[in-house]
Protein backbone atom coordinates (compact mmCIF):
# COMPACT_ATOMS: atom_id res chain seq x y z
CA MET A 1 55.27 -86.18 164.11
CA LYS A 2 54.16 -84.70 167.40
CA GLU A 3 55.94 -82.02 169.39
CA VAL A 4 54.98 -80.53 172.74
CA VAL A 5 56.84 -77.78 174.58
CA VAL A 6 57.02 -78.16 178.35
CA PHE A 7 58.33 -75.28 180.47
CA LEU A 8 60.14 -76.40 183.61
CA ASP A 9 61.50 -74.43 186.54
CA LEU A 10 64.66 -76.53 186.37
CA PRO A 11 68.04 -76.13 184.69
CA ALA A 12 68.12 -77.81 181.28
CA GLY A 13 70.47 -80.60 182.43
CA ASP A 14 68.17 -81.47 185.32
CA ALA A 15 65.18 -81.52 182.97
CA VAL A 16 66.99 -83.99 180.69
CA ALA A 17 67.76 -86.17 183.72
CA LEU A 18 64.07 -86.00 184.62
CA ALA A 19 63.12 -87.09 181.09
CA ALA A 20 65.68 -89.92 181.17
CA SER A 21 64.22 -91.14 184.48
CA PHE A 22 60.74 -90.92 182.97
CA LEU A 23 61.87 -93.20 180.12
CA ALA A 24 63.65 -95.60 182.51
CA GLU A 25 60.53 -95.91 184.69
CA ARG A 26 58.69 -97.16 181.61
CA GLY A 27 61.44 -99.50 180.46
CA VAL A 28 62.08 -97.44 177.32
CA PRO A 29 65.67 -97.86 176.10
CA VAL A 30 67.66 -94.65 175.64
CA THR A 31 69.36 -94.56 172.23
CA ASP A 32 71.41 -91.41 172.81
CA ARG A 33 72.15 -89.14 175.74
CA ALA A 34 73.76 -85.70 175.61
CA PRO A 35 73.89 -82.89 178.19
CA LEU A 36 70.73 -81.26 176.81
CA SER A 37 68.88 -84.17 175.22
CA VAL A 38 67.86 -87.76 175.62
CA ALA A 39 66.63 -89.84 172.69
CA PHE A 40 64.66 -93.06 172.43
CA ALA A 41 63.75 -95.17 169.38
CA ALA A 42 61.06 -92.87 167.97
CA GLY A 43 61.52 -89.58 169.77
CA GLN A 44 63.52 -87.33 172.03
CA PHE A 45 63.39 -84.82 174.83
CA ALA A 46 65.60 -81.77 174.23
CA ALA A 47 65.98 -78.97 176.77
CA VAL A 48 66.97 -75.37 176.03
CA PRO A 49 67.61 -72.84 178.81
CA VAL A 50 65.22 -69.88 178.88
CA GLN A 51 67.34 -66.96 177.68
CA LEU A 52 66.16 -64.50 180.33
CA LYS A 53 65.96 -67.05 183.14
CA PRO A 54 68.65 -69.64 182.35
CA GLU A 55 67.99 -71.64 185.50
CA TRP A 56 64.70 -72.66 183.81
CA CYS A 57 64.18 -74.35 180.47
CA ARG A 58 61.87 -75.28 177.65
CA VAL A 59 61.75 -79.00 176.88
CA TRP A 60 60.77 -80.05 173.39
CA ALA A 61 59.17 -83.49 173.68
CA THR A 62 59.13 -84.89 170.16
CA ALA A 63 57.75 -88.12 168.71
CA TRP A 64 58.27 -89.18 165.14
CA GLY A 65 56.90 -92.56 164.35
CA ASP A 66 54.64 -94.95 166.17
CA GLY A 67 51.80 -94.36 168.60
CA GLU A 68 53.93 -95.50 171.55
CA ALA A 69 56.29 -92.53 171.10
CA GLU A 70 53.33 -90.14 170.88
CA HIS A 71 51.90 -91.70 174.04
CA LEU A 72 55.22 -91.08 175.85
CA VAL A 73 55.24 -87.42 174.75
CA ASP A 74 51.63 -86.98 175.85
CA GLU A 75 52.27 -88.68 179.19
CA PHE A 76 55.37 -86.57 179.91
CA ALA A 77 53.46 -83.39 179.04
CA ALA A 78 50.45 -84.41 181.13
CA ARG A 79 52.68 -85.21 184.12
CA HIS A 80 54.15 -81.70 184.03
CA ARG A 81 51.18 -79.76 182.62
CA GLU A 82 50.36 -77.61 185.65
CA ARG A 83 54.01 -76.95 186.48
CA SER A 84 54.60 -76.04 182.83
CA ARG A 85 51.70 -73.59 182.71
CA VAL A 86 52.90 -71.78 185.83
CA ALA A 87 56.50 -71.59 184.54
CA GLU A 88 55.38 -70.56 181.05
CA ALA A 89 53.26 -67.71 182.43
CA GLN A 90 56.22 -66.44 184.44
CA VAL A 91 58.61 -66.72 181.48
CA LYS A 92 56.16 -64.93 179.19
CA ALA A 93 55.73 -62.13 181.76
CA ILE A 94 59.52 -61.69 182.00
CA GLU A 95 59.90 -61.72 178.22
CA ALA A 96 56.99 -59.33 177.70
CA ASP A 97 58.52 -56.89 180.19
CA VAL A 98 62.02 -57.10 178.76
CA TYR A 99 60.95 -56.93 175.11
CA SER A 100 58.33 -54.23 175.54
CA GLU A 101 58.24 -51.17 173.31
CA ALA A 102 58.74 -49.05 176.43
CA SER A 103 62.10 -50.70 177.15
CA TRP A 104 63.36 -50.43 173.56
CA PRO A 105 64.78 -46.85 173.76
CA ALA A 106 67.16 -47.70 176.61
CA TYR A 107 68.29 -50.86 174.87
CA GLU A 108 68.70 -49.03 171.56
CA GLN A 109 70.93 -46.47 173.23
CA ARG A 110 73.21 -49.21 174.64
CA LEU A 111 73.17 -51.06 171.32
CA ARG A 112 74.02 -47.92 169.36
CA ALA A 113 76.96 -47.19 171.69
CA SER A 114 78.29 -50.74 171.32
CA LEU A 115 77.99 -50.69 167.51
CA SER A 116 79.41 -47.23 166.90
CA GLY A 117 83.06 -48.19 167.34
CA GLY A 118 84.33 -48.21 163.75
CA ALA A 119 81.11 -49.08 161.94
CA GLY A 120 79.62 -46.75 159.36
CA VAL A 121 76.35 -44.94 160.02
CA GLU A 122 74.43 -46.97 157.45
CA GLU A 123 75.74 -50.25 158.84
CA VAL A 124 74.80 -49.26 162.40
CA GLU A 125 71.31 -48.18 161.31
CA ALA A 126 70.77 -51.45 159.42
CA LYS A 127 71.82 -53.51 162.45
CA ILE A 128 69.64 -51.47 164.78
CA ALA A 129 66.65 -51.85 162.45
CA ALA A 130 67.16 -55.63 162.33
CA VAL A 131 67.47 -55.91 166.11
CA LYS A 132 64.41 -53.70 166.65
CA LYS A 133 62.35 -55.85 164.31
CA ARG A 134 63.35 -58.98 166.23
CA TRP A 135 62.85 -57.19 169.57
CA LEU A 136 59.28 -56.19 168.71
CA ALA A 137 58.51 -59.68 167.39
CA LEU A 138 59.74 -61.22 170.65
CA GLY A 139 57.62 -58.77 172.64
CA LYS A 140 54.57 -59.57 170.57
CA ARG A 141 55.16 -63.30 170.89
CA ALA A 142 55.69 -63.03 174.65
CA GLY A 143 52.43 -61.15 175.04
CA ALA A 144 50.45 -63.69 173.02
CA ALA A 145 48.48 -66.52 174.56
CA PRO A 146 50.27 -69.88 174.43
CA GLU A 147 49.44 -72.13 171.51
CA GLU A 148 47.64 -75.02 173.14
CA HIS A 149 48.91 -77.58 170.65
CA LEU A 150 52.51 -76.64 171.41
CA SER A 151 52.40 -76.09 175.16
CA ALA A 152 51.89 -78.72 177.78
């Protein structure tokens, strides 16, 4: 199996249309098409909007099976490599800023206010601790260098 993540400065639906056109240009039959994915015999392209910039998306280009499917994934990634790197850097900068330790106190205050209506103190504290753990993990991940084997 091979999987490559391609960041595109397009809405997810447009990215799927782009992937479908890519397959059509190569005469590859589409086996399934949904609003956020397009599949072919031994792989698929699935797009997910970027949470903090939903007009952009991450496309998971996946091949499971023969070398032809892997070649298609590699070719799609290569075609969009520079565009992906630029978009990924911008997405990571947005995520790093939003999920920074410095921005946690303001978010915690809003979260605490939204959770306090009827919940017990222990329940609120447990939820806040869980969200903070995820928040800090997202910030750390956003600040990390991209994993070359996963990014286009």
